[in-house]
Amino acid sequence: MSKNNQLFLEIIDALVDNGYSVIPNALNPELCHSLKITAQTQRNYRYAGISKSPRKHLDSRRRRDKISWLKEDSASQSHYL
């Protein structure tokens, strides 16, 4: 069994048993560092909206976070995905 398959099985087991998964050292440290740098330097964060409908709206009383979708145009994000 490959290392990735084993990791996926550990994640699944943890989700089933606990409802969440914490896997120490699951990602390569260099990849983590690259993802961190990418996240810190990108400027396309958008305020998170409420509702999946076409009429999505912003409500800063309920959500104050900003989001950015991962894209495959970055080498580190592509590798992570």
PDB file of N, CA and C in Angstrom:
ATOM      1  N   MET A   1       0.843  -1.180   0.000  1.00  0.00           N
ATOM      2  CA  MET A   1       0.000   0.000   0.000  1.00  0.00           C
ATOM      3  C   MET A   1       0.885   1.238   0.000  1.00  0.00           C
ATOM      4  N   SER A   2       0.537   2.235  -0.830  1.00  0.00           N
ATOM      5  CA  SER A   2       1.351   3.447  -0.919  1.00  0.00           C
ATOM      6  C   SER A   2       1.182   4.296   0.337  1.00  0.00           C
ATOM      7  N   LYS A   3       2.126   5.186   0.531  1.00  0.00           N
ATOM      8  CA  LYS A   3       2.080   6.085   1.689  1.00  0.00           C
ATOM      9  C   LYS A   3       0.826   6.959   1.643  1.00  0.00           C
ATOM     10  N   ASN A   4       0.448   7.446   0.441  1.00  0.00           N
ATOM     11  CA  ASN A   4      -0.758   8.262   0.318  1.00  0.00           C
ATOM     12  C   ASN A   4      -2.006   7.477   0.669  1.00  0.00           C
ATOM     13  N   ASN A   5      -2.098   6.236   0.197  1.00  0.00           N
ATOM     14  CA  ASN A   5      -3.261   5.414   0.513  1.00  0.00           C
ATOM     15  C   ASN A   5      -3.370   5.171   2.013  1.00  0.00           C
ATOM     16  N   GLN A   6      -2.250   4.926   2.652  1.00  0.00           N
ATOM     17  CA  GLN A   6      -2.243   4.723   4.102  1.00  0.00           C
ATOM     18  C   GLN A   6      -2.706   5.991   4.811  1.00  0.00           C
ATOM     19  N   LEU A   7      -2.231   7.151   4.343  1.00  0.00           N
ATOM     20  CA  LEU A   7      -2.642   8.421   4.933  1.00  0.00           C
ATOM     21  C   LEU A   7      -4.149   8.617   4.788  1.00  0.00           C
ATOM     22  N   PHE A   8      -4.684   8.337   3.597  1.00  0.00           N
ATOM     23  CA  PHE A   8      -6.121   8.483   3.371  1.00  0.00           C
ATOM     24  C   PHE A   8      -6.919   7.570   4.302  1.00  0.00           C
ATOM     25  N   LEU A   9      -6.443   6.345   4.500  1.00  0.00           N
ATOM     26  CA  LEU A   9      -7.129   5.421   5.403  1.00  0.00           C
ATOM     27  C   LEU A   9      -7.107   5.940   6.842  1.00  0.00           C
ATOM     28  N   GLU A  10      -5.987   6.512   7.263  1.00  0.00           N
ATOM     29  CA  GLU A  10      -5.904   7.083   8.613  1.00  0.00           C
ATOM     30  C   GLU A  10      -6.883   8.239   8.774  1.00  0.00           C
ATOM     31  N   ILE A  11      -6.978   9.075   7.749  1.00  0.00           N
ATOM     32  CA  ILE A  11      -7.899  10.211   7.799  1.00  0.00           C
ATOM     33  C   ILE A  11      -9.340   9.708   7.890  1.00  0.00           C
ATOM     34  N   ILE A  12      -9.680   8.750   7.055  1.00  0.00           N
ATOM     35  CA  ILE A  12     -11.044   8.200   7.060  1.00  0.00           C
ATOM     36  C   ILE A  12     -11.381   7.593   8.416  1.00  0.00           C
ATOM     37  N   ASP A  13     -10.466   6.788   8.947  1.00  0.00           N
ATOM     38  CA  ASP A  13     -10.702   6.170  10.254  1.00  0.00           C
ATOM     39  C   ASP A  13     -10.927   7.224  11.331  1.00  0.00           C
ATOM     40  N   ALA A  14     -10.102   8.268  11.334  1.00  0.00           N
ATOM     41  CA  ALA A  14     -10.229   9.320  12.335  1.00  0.00           C
ATOM     42  C   ALA A  14     -11.557  10.059  12.185  1.00  0.00           C
ATOM     43  N   LEU A  15     -11.961  10.333  10.929  1.00  0.00           N
ATOM     44  CA  LEU A  15     -13.237  11.012  10.711  1.00  0.00           C
ATOM     45  C   LEU A  15     -14.408  10.171  11.203  1.00  0.00           C
ATOM     46  N   VAL A  16     -14.357   8.882  10.930  1.00  0.00           N
ATOM     47  CA  VAL A  16     -15.433   7.985  11.370  1.00  0.00           C
ATOM     48  C   VAL A  16     -15.454   7.902  12.892  1.00  0.00           C
ATOM     49  N   ASP A  17     -14.287   7.746  13.510  1.00  0.00           N
ATOM     50  CA  ASP A  17     -14.217   7.562  14.958  1.00  0.00           C
ATOM     51  C   ASP A  17     -14.459   8.850  15.743  1.00  0.00           C
ATOM     52  N   ASN A  18     -13.913   9.980  15.247  1.00  0.00           N
ATOM     53  CA  ASN A  18     -13.903  11.221  16.031  1.00  0.00           C
ATOM     54  C   ASN A  18     -14.688  12.365  15.416  1.00  0.00           C
ATOM     55  N   GLY A  19     -14.948  12.291  14.134  1.00  0.00           N
ATOM     56  CA  GLY A  19     -15.593  13.412  13.451  1.00  0.00           C
ATOM     57  C   GLY A  19     -14.595  14.444  12.955  1.00  0.00           C
ATOM     58  N   TYR A  20     -13.330  14.238  13.211  1.00  0.00           N
ATOM     59  CA  TYR A  20     -12.271  15.116  12.724  1.00  0.00           C
ATOM     60  C   TYR A  20     -10.996  14.298  12.582  1.00  0.00           C
ATOM     61  N   SER A  21     -10.006  14.894  11.921  1.00  0.00           N
ATOM     62  CA  SER A  21      -8.747  14.176  11.713  1.00  0.00           C
ATOM     63  C   SER A  21      -7.572  15.107  11.959  1.00  0.00           C
ATOM     64  N   VAL A  22      -6.636  14.655  12.769  1.00  0.00           N
ATOM     65  CA  VAL A  22      -5.378  15.366  12.992  1.00  0.00           C
ATOM     66  C   VAL A  22      -4.272  14.365  12.704  1.00  0.00           C
ATOM     67  N   ILE A  23      -3.510  14.615  11.670  1.00  0.00           N
ATOM     68  CA  ILE A  23      -2.432  13.708  11.276  1.00  0.00           C
ATOM     69  C   ILE A  23      -1.112  14.486  11.337  1.00  0.00           C
ATOM     70  N   PRO A  24      -0.347  14.342  12.411  1.00  0.00           N
ATOM     71  CA  PRO A  24       0.928  15.047  12.511  1.00  0.00           C
ATOM     72  C   PRO A  24       1.861  14.658  11.360  1.00  0.00           C
ATOM     73  N   ASN A  25       2.533  15.638  10.827  1.00  0.00           N
ATOM     74  CA  ASN A  25       3.534  15.447   9.777  1.00  0.00           C
ATOM     75  C   ASN A  25       2.964  14.799   8.516  1.00  0.00           C
ATOM     76  N   ALA A  26       1.676  15.032   8.250  1.00  0.00           N
ATOM     77  CA  ALA A  26       1.053  14.437   7.069  1.00  0.00           C
ATOM     78  C   ALA A  26       1.577  15.059   5.777  1.00  0.00           C
ATOM     79  N   LEU A  27       1.971  16.314   5.841  1.00  0.00           N
ATOM     80  CA  LEU A  27       2.471  16.997   4.653  1.00  0.00           C
ATOM     81  C   LEU A  27       3.978  17.228   4.743  1.00  0.00           C
ATOM     82  N   ASN A  28       4.580  17.241   3.602  1.00  0.00           N
ATOM     83  CA  ASN A  28       6.004  17.525   3.482  1.00  0.00           C
ATOM     84  C   ASN A  28       6.274  18.939   4.019  1.00  0.00           C
ATOM     85  N   PRO A  29       7.276  19.135   4.882  1.00  0.00           N
ATOM     86  CA  PRO A  29       7.548  20.465   5.447  1.00  0.00           C
ATOM     87  C   PRO A  29       7.820  21.530   4.387  1.00  0.00           C
ATOM     88  N   GLU A  30       8.483  21.163   3.307  1.00  0.00           N
ATOM     89  CA  GLU A  30       8.760  22.139   2.248  1.00  0.00           C
ATOM     90  C   GLU A  30       7.461  22.590   1.577  1.00  0.00           C
ATOM     91  N   LEU A  31       6.538  21.648   1.370  1.00  0.00           N
ATOM     92  CA  LEU A  31       5.242  21.992   0.779  1.00  0.00           C
ATOM     93  C   LEU A  31       4.474  22.914   1.719  1.00  0.00           C
ATOM     94  N   CYS A  32       4.479  22.606   3.005  1.00  0.00           N
ATOM     95  CA  CYS A  32       3.799  23.460   3.993  1.00  0.00           C
ATOM     96  C   CYS A  32       4.358  24.880   3.955  1.00  0.00           C
ATOM     97  N   HIS A  33       5.673  24.994   3.908  1.00  0.00           N
ATOM     98  CA  HIS A  33       6.307  26.317   3.872  1.00  0.00           C
ATOM     99  C   HIS A  33       5.908  27.066   2.601  1.00  0.00           C
ATOM    100  N   SER A  34       5.920  26.390   1.481  1.00  0.00           N
ATOM    101  CA  SER A  34       5.547  27.012   0.211  1.00  0.00           C
ATOM    102  C   SER A  34       4.087  27.461   0.220  1.00  0.00           C
ATOM    103  N   LEU A  35       3.189  26.627   0.752  1.00  0.00           N
ATOM    104  CA  LEU A  35       1.778  27.002   0.848  1.00  0.00           C
ATOM    105  C   LEU A  35       1.600  28.209   1.770  1.00  0.00           C
ATOM    106  N   LYS A  36       2.351  28.246   2.845  1.00  0.00           N
ATOM    107  CA  LYS A  36       2.275  29.369   3.785  1.00  0.00           C
ATOM    108  C   LYS A  36       2.706  30.660   3.114  1.00  0.00           C
ATOM    109  N   ILE A  37       3.823  30.622   2.390  1.00  0.00           N
ATOM    110  CA  ILE A  37       4.323  31.814   1.698  1.00  0.00           C
ATOM    111  C   ILE A  37       3.313  32.273   0.654  1.00  0.00           C
ATOM    112  N   THR A  38       2.752  31.330  -0.092  1.00  0.00           N
ATOM    113  CA  THR A  38       1.745  31.675  -1.095  1.00  0.00           C
ATOM    114  C   THR A  38       0.546  32.345  -0.439  1.00  0.00           C
ATOM    115  N   ALA A  39       0.077  31.799   0.673  1.00  0.00           N
ATOM    116  CA  ALA A  39      -1.082  32.363   1.379  1.00  0.00           C
ATOM    117  C   ALA A  39      -0.787  33.763   1.916  1.00  0.00           C
ATOM    118  N   GLN A  40       0.433  33.968   2.376  1.00  0.00           N
ATOM    119  CA  GLN A  40       0.785  35.267   2.951  1.00  0.00           C
ATOM    120  C   GLN A  40       0.979  36.346   1.889  1.00  0.00           C
ATOM    121  N   THR A  41       1.351  35.967   0.681  1.00  0.00           N
ATOM    122  CA  THR A  41       1.667  36.961  -0.338  1.00  0.00           C
ATOM    123  C   THR A  41       0.543  37.218  -1.336  1.00  0.00           C
ATOM    124  N   GLN A  42      -0.437  36.324  -1.418  1.00  0.00           N
ATOM    125  CA  GLN A  42      -1.500  36.556  -2.390  1.00  0.00           C
ATOM    126  C   GLN A  42      -2.425  37.657  -1.909  1.00  0.00           C
ATOM    127  N   ARG A  43      -3.059  38.316  -2.862  1.00  0.00           N
ATOM    128  CA  ARG A  43      -3.908  39.468  -2.535  1.00  0.00           C
ATOM    129  C   ARG A  43      -5.364  39.271  -2.957  1.00  0.00           C
ATOM    130  N   ASN A  44      -5.739  38.082  -3.409  1.00  0.00           N
ATOM    131  CA  ASN A  44      -7.083  37.890  -3.935  1.00  0.00           C
ATOM    132  C   ASN A  44      -8.056  37.295  -2.919  1.00  0.00           C
ATOM    133  N   TYR A  45      -7.871  37.603  -1.648  1.00  0.00           N
ATOM    134  CA  TYR A  45      -8.829  37.153  -0.636  1.00  0.00           C
ATOM    135  C   TYR A  45     -10.117  37.952  -0.774  1.00  0.00           C
ATOM    136  N   ARG A  46     -11.232  37.289  -0.573  1.00  0.00           N
ATOM    137  CA  ARG A  46     -12.542  37.944  -0.650  1.00  0.00           C
ATOM    138  C   ARG A  46     -13.305  37.660   0.642  1.00  0.00           C
ATOM    139  N   TYR A  47     -14.124  38.609   1.009  1.00  0.00           N
ATOM    140  CA  TYR A  47     -14.950  38.377   2.195  1.00  0.00           C
ATOM    141  C   TYR A  47     -15.879  37.203   1.936  1.00  0.00           C
ATOM    142  N   ALA A  48     -15.990  36.343   2.912  1.00  0.00           N
ATOM    143  CA  ALA A  48     -16.844  35.167   2.784  1.00  0.00           C
ATOM    144  C   ALA A  48     -18.299  35.598   2.860  1.00  0.00           C
ATOM    145  N   GLY A  49     -19.080  35.051   1.958  1.00  0.00           N
ATOM    146  CA  GLY A  49     -20.493  35.396   1.907  1.00  0.00           C
ATOM    147  C   GLY A  49     -21.356  34.361   2.609  1.00  0.00           C
ATOM    148  N   ILE A  50     -22.612  34.645   2.656  1.00  0.00           N
ATOM    149  CA  ILE A  50     -23.585  33.764   3.282  1.00  0.00           C
ATOM    150  C   ILE A  50     -24.560  33.316   2.198  1.00  0.00           C
ATOM    151  N   SER A  51     -24.851  32.035   2.139  1.00  0.00           N
ATOM    152  CA  SER A  51     -25.811  31.433   1.215  1.00  0.00           C
ATOM    153  C   SER A  51     -25.130  30.970  -0.065  1.00  0.00           C
ATOM    154  N   LYS A  52     -25.597  29.839  -0.554  1.00  0.00           N
ATOM    155  CA  LYS A  52     -25.089  29.302  -1.814  1.00  0.00           C
ATOM    156  C   LYS A  52     -25.918  29.791  -2.999  1.00  0.00           C
ATOM    157  N   SER A  53     -26.980  30.479  -2.721  1.00  0.00           N
ATOM    158  CA  SER A  53     -27.862  30.932  -3.795  1.00  0.00           C
ATOM    159  C   SER A  53     -27.191  32.047  -4.594  1.00  0.00           C
ATOM    160  N   PRO A  54     -27.709  32.354  -5.759  1.00  0.00           N
ATOM    161  CA  PRO A  54     -27.155  33.455  -6.555  1.00  0.00           C
ATOM    162  C   PRO A  54     -27.229  34.793  -5.831  1.00  0.00           C
ATOM    163  N   ARG A  55     -28.076  34.866  -4.818  1.00  0.00           N
ATOM    164  CA  ARG A  55     -28.219  36.111  -4.067  1.00  0.00           C
ATOM    165  C   ARG A  55     -27.324  36.126  -2.826  1.00  0.00           C
ATOM    166  N   LYS A  56     -26.154  35.516  -2.909  1.00  0.00           N
ATOM    167  CA  LYS A  56     -25.219  35.482  -1.781  1.00  0.00           C
ATOM    168  C   LYS A  56     -24.979  36.907  -1.282  1.00  0.00           C
ATOM    169  N   HIS A  57     -24.917  37.066   0.018  1.00  0.00           N
ATOM    170  CA  HIS A  57     -24.681  38.392   0.568  1.00  0.00           C
ATOM    171  C   HIS A  57     -23.635  38.331   1.676  1.00  0.00           C
ATOM    172  N   LEU A  58     -23.115  39.498   2.005  1.00  0.00           N
ATOM    173  CA  LEU A  58     -22.133  39.613   3.077  1.00  0.00           C
ATOM    174  C   LEU A  58     -22.851  40.048   4.343  1.00  0.00           C
ATOM    175  N   ASP A  59     -22.474  39.460   5.445  1.00  0.00           N
ATOM    176  CA  ASP A  59     -23.049  39.807   6.738  1.00  0.00           C
ATOM    177  C   ASP A  59     -21.916  39.748   7.754  1.00  0.00           C
ATOM    178  N   SER A  60     -21.320  40.900   8.021  1.00  0.00           N
ATOM    179  CA  SER A  60     -20.134  40.942   8.893  1.00  0.00           C
ATOM    180  C   SER A  60     -20.465  40.605  10.341  1.00  0.00           C
ATOM    181  N   ARG A  61     -21.738  40.575  10.700  1.00  0.00           N
ATOM    182  CA  ARG A  61     -22.093  40.147  12.058  1.00  0.00           C
ATOM    183  C   ARG A  61     -21.990  38.638  12.193  1.00  0.00           C
ATOM    184  N   ARG A  62     -22.163  37.915  11.057  1.00  0.00           N
ATOM    185  CA  ARG A  62     -22.129  36.453  11.094  1.00  0.00           C
ATOM    186  C   ARG A  62     -20.805  35.897  10.581  1.00  0.00           C
ATOM    187  N   ARG A  63     -20.213  36.553   9.608  1.00  0.00           N
ATOM    188  CA  ARG A  63     -18.936  36.073   9.057  1.00  0.00           C
ATOM    189  C   ARG A  63     -18.022  37.257   8.827  1.00  0.00           C
ATOM    190  N   ARG A  64     -16.822  37.180   9.399  1.00  0.00           N
ATOM    191  CA  ARG A  64     -15.836  38.242   9.206  1.00  0.00           C
ATOM    192  C   ARG A  64     -14.590  37.714   8.513  1.00  0.00           C
ATOM    193  N   ASP A  65     -14.618  36.441   8.124  1.00  0.00           N
ATOM    194  CA  ASP A  65     -13.429  35.851   7.537  1.00  0.00           C
ATOM    195  C   ASP A  65     -13.324  36.157   6.048  1.00  0.00           C
ATOM    196  N   LYS A  66     -12.102  35.998   5.543  1.00  0.00           N
ATOM    197  CA  LYS A  66     -11.845  36.136   4.121  1.00  0.00           C
ATOM    198  C   LYS A  66     -11.390  34.775   3.605  1.00  0.00           C
ATOM    199  N   ILE A  67     -11.683  34.513   2.345  1.00  0.00           N
ATOM    200  CA  ILE A  67     -11.341  33.216   1.768  1.00  0.00           C
ATOM    201  C   ILE A  67     -10.637  33.400   0.428  1.00  0.00           C
ATOM    202  N   SER A  68      -9.956  32.375   0.027  1.00  0.00           N
ATOM    203  CA  SER A  68      -9.363  32.294  -1.306  1.00  0.00           C
ATOM    204  C   SER A  68      -9.335  30.826  -1.680  1.00  0.00           C
ATOM    205  N   TRP A  69      -9.893  30.496  -2.837  1.00  0.00           N
ATOM    206  CA  TRP A  69      -9.925  29.116  -3.282  1.00  0.00           C
ATOM    207  C   TRP A  69      -8.545  28.702  -3.765  1.00  0.00           C
ATOM    208  N   LEU A  70      -8.172  27.459  -3.494  1.00  0.00           N
ATOM    209  CA  LEU A  70      -6.915  26.933  -4.011  1.00  0.00           C
ATOM    210  C   LEU A  70      -7.049  26.728  -5.512  1.00  0.00           C
ATOM    211  N   LYS A  71      -5.962  27.021  -6.224  1.00  0.00           N
ATOM    212  CA  LYS A  71      -5.969  26.888  -7.680  1.00  0.00           C
ATOM    213  C   LYS A  71      -4.741  26.102  -8.112  1.00  0.00           C
ATOM    214  N   GLU A  72      -4.847  25.494  -9.254  1.00  0.00           N
ATOM    215  CA  GLU A  72      -3.732  24.704  -9.759  1.00  0.00           C
ATOM    216  C   GLU A  72      -2.727  25.536 -10.545  1.00  0.00           C
ATOM    217  N   ASP A  73      -2.869  26.867 -10.562  1.00  0.00           N
ATOM    218  CA  ASP A  73      -1.910  27.699 -11.275  1.00  0.00           C
ATOM    219  C   ASP A  73      -0.659  27.984 -10.444  1.00  0.00           C
ATOM    220  N   SER A  74      -0.693  27.621  -9.178  1.00  0.00           N
ATOM    221  CA  SER A  74       0.467  27.718  -8.297  1.00  0.00           C
ATOM    222  C   SER A  74       1.041  26.311  -8.144  1.00  0.00           C
ATOM    223  N   ALA A  75       2.351  26.178  -8.253  1.00  0.00           N
ATOM    224  CA  ALA A  75       2.980  24.849  -8.157  1.00  0.00           C
ATOM    225  C   ALA A  75       2.674  24.183  -6.822  1.00  0.00           C
ATOM    226  N   SER A  76       2.785  24.928  -5.727  1.00  0.00           N
ATOM    227  CA  SER A  76       2.545  24.317  -4.413  1.00  0.00           C
ATOM    228  C   SER A  76       1.078  23.967  -4.232  1.00  0.00           C
ATOM    229  N   GLN A  77       0.171  24.820  -4.672  1.00  0.00           N
ATOM    230  CA  GLN A  77      -1.254  24.505  -4.547  1.00  0.00           C
ATOM    231  C   GLN A  77      -1.627  23.338  -5.425  1.00  0.00           C
ATOM    232  N   SER A  78      -1.077  23.289  -6.615  1.00  0.00           N
ATOM    233  CA  SER A  78      -1.339  22.168  -7.517  1.00  0.00           C
ATOM    234  C   SER A  78      -0.852  20.864  -6.897  1.00  0.00           C
ATOM    235  N   HIS A  79       0.344  20.885  -6.323  1.00  0.00           N
ATOM    236  CA  HIS A  79       0.878  19.690  -5.685  1.00  0.00           C
ATOM    237  C   HIS A  79      -0.004  19.260  -4.510  1.00  0.00           C
ATOM    238  N   TYR A  80      -0.456  20.211  -3.713  1.00  0.00           N
ATOM    239  CA  TYR A  80      -1.320  19.897  -2.579  1.00  0.00           C
ATOM    240  C   TYR A  80      -2.640  19.279  -3.044  1.00  0.00           C
ATOM    241  N   LEU A  81      -3.236  19.904  -4.072  1.00  0.00           N
ATOM    242  CA  LEU A  81      -4.514  19.383  -4.574  1.00  0.00           C
ATOM    243  C   LEU A  81      -4.352  18.000  -5.149  1.00  0.00           C
TER     244      LEU A  81
END
